[in-house]
Amino acid sequence: MLTTSSRPSPPPRPDAAARRRPGPLALAALGLVLAAGPLAGCSSCGAPAEDPAGEAPAAAQPPAPRRAATEVELLAPTGAVTPGQPFTFRWQGPEGKTITGWIVTVMARPDAPLWTSRELAADELQAPPELLTRLEPGKLYTWRVTGRVEGGGRIRSESGRLAVTAGP
């Protein structure tokens, strides 16, 4: 049998609700929910969901890397070259800058240039015979280009690898 008291329960104190604060566990759970929402593709938070094929939408794909305005990109050679066989150095200058001349340097060690070109107007160079005869089979070299910027100054690429195979 259920009995009820005729005495009314005391009204809640106004400051009791103000003293209630979420504990560390509640805060951690909230953080997980907020962080997982975009990953799960919740529709109410505006995050894109995966399509049924399991591929992320184009908006979720990382943007293509862009070269900085001062960056020189080395394009070729990208792999090994064959001893004594012709190959071409290729690079691309920075966007928005006019380069009036390029110099290609091939190094046996970082502090030891093996060969340096004359100044070039183009952004490619066929490896000349005098360089081909200096490249030893089975060795790894580095190369870089230096450009003279219109109006003054120079710009230099990072070093690229130039591997020479052990034999033809």
Protein backbone atom coordinates (compact mmCIF):
# COMPACT_ATOMS: atom_id res chain seq x y z
CA MET A 1 0.00 0.00 0.00
CA LEU A 2 1.29 3.40 -0.95
CA THR A 3 0.96 6.18 1.51
CA THR A 4 1.40 9.80 0.79
CA SER A 5 2.43 12.42 3.18
CA SER A 6 0.26 15.38 3.73
CA ARG A 7 3.30 17.49 4.25
CA PRO A 8 4.36 19.35 1.09
CA SER A 9 7.95 18.90 -0.05
CA PRO A 10 10.16 21.93 0.36
CA PRO A 11 10.61 24.08 -2.75
CA PRO A 12 14.01 23.76 -4.47
CA ARG A 13 16.52 26.32 -3.43
CA PRO A 14 17.23 28.82 -6.20
CA ASP A 15 21.01 28.55 -5.77
CA ALA A 16 21.08 24.72 -6.02
CA ALA A 17 20.86 24.73 -9.81
CA ALA A 18 23.56 27.37 -10.02
CA ARG A 19 25.94 25.20 -7.99
CA ARG A 20 25.56 22.21 -10.29
CA ARG A 21 28.44 22.00 -12.69
CA PRO A 22 29.28 19.19 -15.06
CA GLY A 23 32.00 16.90 -13.82
CA PRO A 24 35.18 16.07 -15.78
CA LEU A 25 33.62 12.89 -17.20
CA ALA A 26 30.64 14.82 -18.58
CA LEU A 27 32.96 17.40 -20.16
CA ALA A 28 35.10 14.67 -21.74
CA ALA A 29 32.01 12.98 -23.18
CA LEU A 30 30.77 16.27 -24.60
CA GLY A 31 34.16 16.85 -26.23
CA LEU A 32 34.04 13.42 -27.86
CA VAL A 33 30.55 14.02 -29.21
CA LEU A 34 31.52 17.39 -30.66
CA ALA A 35 34.71 16.02 -32.20
CA ALA A 36 33.06 12.90 -33.64
CA GLY A 37 30.14 14.79 -35.20
CA PRO A 38 32.04 16.04 -38.28
CA LEU A 39 33.79 12.69 -38.68
CA ALA A 40 30.53 10.80 -38.61
CA GLY A 41 28.92 13.19 -41.05
CA CYS A 42 26.09 14.36 -38.85
CA SER A 43 23.42 16.10 -40.86
CA SER A 44 22.53 18.61 -38.17
CA CYS A 45 26.08 19.92 -37.84
CA GLY A 46 26.62 20.43 -41.57
CA ALA A 47 29.43 17.87 -41.92
CA PRO A 48 29.44 15.87 -45.15
CA ALA A 49 28.77 12.16 -44.86
CA GLU A 50 30.45 9.47 -46.90
CA ASP A 51 28.61 8.29 -49.95
CA PRO A 52 27.32 4.70 -50.13
CA ALA A 53 30.40 3.64 -52.12
CA GLY A 54 32.55 4.61 -49.13
CA GLU A 55 34.30 7.53 -50.77
CA ALA A 56 34.57 10.90 -49.13
CA PRO A 57 32.92 13.79 -50.98
CA ALA A 58 35.12 16.15 -52.95
CA ALA A 59 34.77 18.87 -50.31
CA ALA A 60 36.42 16.57 -47.75
CA GLN A 61 39.42 15.84 -50.00
CA PRO A 62 42.59 17.75 -49.07
CA PRO A 63 43.39 20.59 -51.45
CA ALA A 64 46.15 20.06 -53.99
CA PRO A 65 49.47 21.42 -52.76
CA ARG A 66 50.40 24.79 -54.22
CA ARG A 67 53.90 26.00 -54.78
CA ALA A 68 54.95 29.06 -52.89
CA ALA A 69 55.68 32.13 -55.00
CA THR A 70 59.39 31.71 -54.29
CA GLU A 71 59.61 27.96 -54.87
CA VAL A 72 61.37 26.30 -57.79
CA GLU A 73 60.08 22.83 -58.61
CA LEU A 74 62.53 20.25 -59.96
CA LEU A 75 60.73 18.08 -62.53
CA ALA A 76 63.40 15.76 -64.03
CA PRO A 77 65.38 13.63 -63.68
CA THR A 78 63.23 11.93 -61.05
CA GLY A 79 64.73 8.43 -61.12
CA ALA A 80 68.03 6.87 -62.01
CA VAL A 81 69.93 7.78 -65.14
CA THR A 82 72.07 5.41 -67.17
CA PRO A 83 75.82 6.10 -67.34
CA GLY A 84 76.83 7.80 -70.59
CA GLN A 85 73.20 8.08 -71.82
CA PRO A 86 71.72 11.54 -72.46
CA PHE A 87 69.05 12.89 -70.10
CA THR A 88 67.40 16.25 -69.57
CA PHE A 89 67.19 18.44 -66.48
CA ARG A 90 63.76 20.13 -66.22
CA TRP A 91 62.34 22.52 -63.64
CA GLN A 92 59.58 25.05 -63.21
CA GLY A 93 60.12 28.54 -61.87
CA PRO A 94 58.03 30.32 -59.27
CA GLU A 95 54.66 31.79 -60.16
CA GLY A 96 54.56 35.55 -60.45
CA LYS A 97 58.30 36.09 -60.84
CA THR A 98 60.27 36.68 -64.02
CA ILE A 99 63.54 34.77 -64.12
CA THR A 100 66.10 36.18 -66.53
CA GLY A 101 68.58 33.32 -66.33
CA TRP A 102 69.10 29.87 -64.80
CA ILE A 103 72.23 28.00 -63.71
CA VAL A 104 72.25 24.23 -63.09
CA THR A 105 74.73 22.81 -60.57
CA VAL A 106 75.47 19.10 -60.05
CA MET A 107 77.20 18.18 -56.79
CA ALA A 108 79.11 15.09 -55.66
CA ARG A 109 78.75 16.33 -52.05
CA PRO A 110 76.84 19.31 -50.63
CA ASP A 111 80.01 21.41 -50.54
CA ALA A 112 81.60 20.08 -53.73
CA PRO A 113 80.16 21.17 -57.09
CA LEU A 114 81.03 18.64 -59.78
CA TRP A 115 79.72 20.68 -62.72
CA THR A 116 78.02 24.04 -63.28
CA SER A 117 76.23 25.14 -66.44
CA ARG A 118 76.50 28.46 -68.17
CA GLU A 119 73.52 30.78 -67.65
CA LEU A 120 70.45 29.55 -69.50
CA ALA A 121 67.28 31.26 -70.70
CA ALA A 122 65.19 28.06 -70.81
CA ASP A 123 63.92 25.95 -67.92
CA GLU A 124 65.50 22.74 -69.19
CA LEU A 125 68.95 21.53 -70.11
CA GLN A 126 70.16 18.45 -71.98
CA ALA A 127 73.03 17.01 -69.91
CA PRO A 128 76.16 17.83 -71.92
CA PRO A 129 78.87 15.25 -72.74
CA GLU A 130 81.34 16.86 -70.29
CA LEU A 131 78.91 16.13 -67.44
CA LEU A 132 78.00 12.63 -68.68
CA THR A 133 81.66 11.59 -68.63
CA ARG A 134 82.05 12.77 -65.00
CA LEU A 135 79.08 10.84 -63.59
CA GLU A 136 80.30 7.56 -62.08
CA PRO A 137 78.12 4.43 -62.24
CA GLY A 138 76.51 3.47 -58.93
CA LYS A 139 76.94 6.93 -57.36
CA LEU A 140 74.36 9.34 -56.04
CA TYR A 141 74.64 13.04 -56.84
CA THR A 142 72.46 16.05 -56.14
CA TRP A 143 71.47 18.89 -58.42
CA ARG A 144 69.81 22.25 -58.08
CA VAL A 145 69.02 25.33 -60.12
CA THR A 146 69.61 28.97 -59.31
CA GLY A 147 67.60 31.67 -61.05
CA ARG A 148 68.33 35.34 -61.48
CA VAL A 149 65.16 37.30 -60.69
CA GLU A 150 64.26 40.30 -62.85
CA GLY A 151 64.84 43.46 -60.82
CA GLY A 152 67.53 41.85 -58.64
CA GLY A 153 68.05 38.88 -56.42
CA ARG A 154 68.40 35.17 -56.87
CA ILE A 155 66.21 32.18 -56.16
CA ARG A 156 67.48 28.65 -55.62
CA SER A 157 65.72 25.29 -55.68
CA GLU A 158 66.02 22.57 -53.07
CA SER A 159 68.50 19.86 -54.02
CA GLY A 160 67.20 17.01 -56.17
CA ARG A 161 68.61 13.48 -56.34
CA LEU A 162 70.54 12.29 -59.35
CA ALA A 163 71.21 8.55 -59.11
CA VAL A 164 73.43 6.91 -61.70
CA THR A 165 72.77 3.21 -62.29
CA ALA A 166 75.58 0.70 -61.81
CA GLY A 167 75.78 -0.08 -65.53
CA PRO A 168 74.20 0.40 -68.95
